[in-house]
Amino acid sequence: MYSCMYRSKMRKLYMLQNTPCDDCLLHWCCECCALCQEYRELQNRGFDMLIAMTSMAPTVESGMHR
């Protein structure tokens, strides 16, 4: 559900052409294809997805503390 809303938001932000089917239907039928298209679109616009993925990772403390 979240990924289909993100696709709609990205399509509006970059004024991308609407596909023959709805964004949610595309994610429902082929999630992998939809995510690959979104990844390529961001990559073609200059986003470095490796930096985005590594900089957002949360830090985890080791062990329990009281």
C-alpha atoms as a PDB file:
ATOM      1  CA  MET A   1       0.000   0.000   0.000  1.00  0.00           C
ATOM      2  CA  TYR A   2       2.786   2.408   0.958  1.00  0.00           C
ATOM      3  CA  SER A   3       4.743   1.758  -2.233  1.00  0.00           C
ATOM      4  CA  CYS A   4       1.759   2.550  -4.463  1.00  0.00           C
ATOM      5  CA  MET A   5       1.219   5.886  -2.684  1.00  0.00           C
ATOM      6  CA  TYR A   6       4.922   6.677  -3.072  1.00  0.00           C
ATOM      7  CA  ARG A   7       4.724   5.922  -6.805  1.00  0.00           C
ATOM      8  CA  SER A   8       1.754   8.299  -7.197  1.00  0.00           C
ATOM      9  CA  LYS A   9       3.587  11.009  -5.289  1.00  0.00           C
ATOM     10  CA  MET A  10       6.741  10.561  -7.395  1.00  0.00           C
ATOM     11  CA  ARG A  11       4.710  10.625 -10.621  1.00  0.00           C
ATOM     12  CA  LYS A  12       3.057  13.919  -9.625  1.00  0.00           C
ATOM     13  CA  LEU A  13       6.318  15.463  -8.416  1.00  0.00           C
ATOM     14  CA  TYR A  14       8.183  14.765 -11.663  1.00  0.00           C
ATOM     15  CA  MET A  15       5.126  15.160 -13.945  1.00  0.00           C
ATOM     16  CA  LEU A  16       5.519  11.622 -15.298  1.00  0.00           C
ATOM     17  CA  GLN A  17       3.052  10.165 -17.746  1.00  0.00           C
ATOM     18  CA  ASN A  18       0.311   8.070 -16.224  1.00  0.00           C
ATOM     19  CA  THR A  19       0.519   4.390 -17.150  1.00  0.00           C
ATOM     20  CA  PRO A  20      -2.398   2.546 -18.754  1.00  0.00           C
ATOM     21  CA  CYS A  21      -3.365   1.197 -15.312  1.00  0.00           C
ATOM     22  CA  ASP A  22      -3.605   2.701 -11.853  1.00  0.00           C
ATOM     23  CA  ASP A  23      -0.493   2.904  -9.655  1.00  0.00           C
ATOM     24  CA  CYS A  24      -2.001   0.622  -6.997  1.00  0.00           C
ATOM     25  CA  LEU A  25      -3.017  -1.948  -9.608  1.00  0.00           C
ATOM     26  CA  LEU A  26       0.507  -1.971 -11.019  1.00  0.00           C
ATOM     27  CA  HIS A  27       1.999  -2.562  -7.555  1.00  0.00           C
ATOM     28  CA  TRP A  28      -0.595  -5.249  -6.826  1.00  0.00           C
ATOM     29  CA  CYS A  29       0.077  -7.182 -10.060  1.00  0.00           C
ATOM     30  CA  CYS A  30       3.853  -6.812 -10.278  1.00  0.00           C
ATOM     31  CA  GLU A  31       5.499  -5.205  -7.249  1.00  0.00           C
ATOM     32  CA  CYS A  32       9.023  -6.038  -8.442  1.00  0.00           C
ATOM     33  CA  CYS A  33       8.506  -4.395 -11.848  1.00  0.00           C
ATOM     34  CA  ALA A  34       7.012  -1.260 -10.292  1.00  0.00           C
ATOM     35  CA  LEU A  35       9.860  -0.875  -7.790  1.00  0.00           C
ATOM     36  CA  CYS A  36      12.467  -1.382 -10.526  1.00  0.00           C
ATOM     37  CA  GLN A  37      10.845   1.335 -12.639  1.00  0.00           C
ATOM     38  CA  GLU A  38      10.863   3.744  -9.702  1.00  0.00           C
ATOM     39  CA  TYR A  39      14.484   2.930  -8.894  1.00  0.00           C
ATOM     40  CA  ARG A  40      15.562   3.558 -12.508  1.00  0.00           C
ATOM     41  CA  GLU A  41      13.616   6.826 -12.648  1.00  0.00           C
ATOM     42  CA  LEU A  42      15.334   8.141  -9.513  1.00  0.00           C
ATOM     43  CA  GLN A  43      18.719   6.901 -10.711  1.00  0.00           C
ATOM     44  CA  ASN A  44      18.256   8.657 -14.082  1.00  0.00           C
ATOM     45  CA  ARG A  45      17.454  11.875 -12.216  1.00  0.00           C
ATOM     46  CA  GLY A  46      20.806  11.747 -10.413  1.00  0.00           C
ATOM     47  CA  PHE A  47      19.892  10.177  -7.087  1.00  0.00           C
ATOM     48  CA  ASP A  48      22.569   7.885  -5.661  1.00  0.00           C
ATOM     49  CA  MET A  49      20.490   5.178  -4.060  1.00  0.00           C
ATOM     50  CA  LEU A  50      23.459   3.575  -2.253  1.00  0.00           C
ATOM     51  CA  ILE A  51      24.080   6.785  -0.329  1.00  0.00           C
ATOM     52  CA  ALA A  52      20.380   7.119   0.447  1.00  0.00           C
ATOM     53  CA  MET A  53      20.125   3.544   1.736  1.00  0.00           C
ATOM     54  CA  THR A  54      23.278   3.618   3.868  1.00  0.00           C
ATOM     55  CA  SER A  55      22.717   7.051   5.395  1.00  0.00           C
ATOM     56  CA  MET A  56      19.210   6.163   6.597  1.00  0.00           C
ATOM     57  CA  ALA A  57      20.168   2.966   8.396  1.00  0.00           C
ATOM     58  CA  PRO A  58      19.489   3.216  12.142  1.00  0.00           C
ATOM     59  CA  THR A  59      22.249   2.563  14.612  1.00  0.00           C
ATOM     60  CA  VAL A  60      21.745  -0.386  16.939  1.00  0.00           C
ATOM     61  CA  GLU A  61      23.329  -0.597  20.351  1.00  0.00           C
ATOM     62  CA  SER A  62      24.810  -3.932  21.301  1.00  0.00           C
ATOM     63  CA  GLY A  63      23.608  -5.721  24.410  1.00  0.00           C
ATOM     64  CA  MET A  64      21.023  -4.713  26.970  1.00  0.00           C
ATOM     65  CA  HIS A  65      21.444  -1.786  29.322  1.00  0.00           C
ATOM     66  CA  ARG A  66      19.572  -1.142  32.544  1.00  0.00           C
END
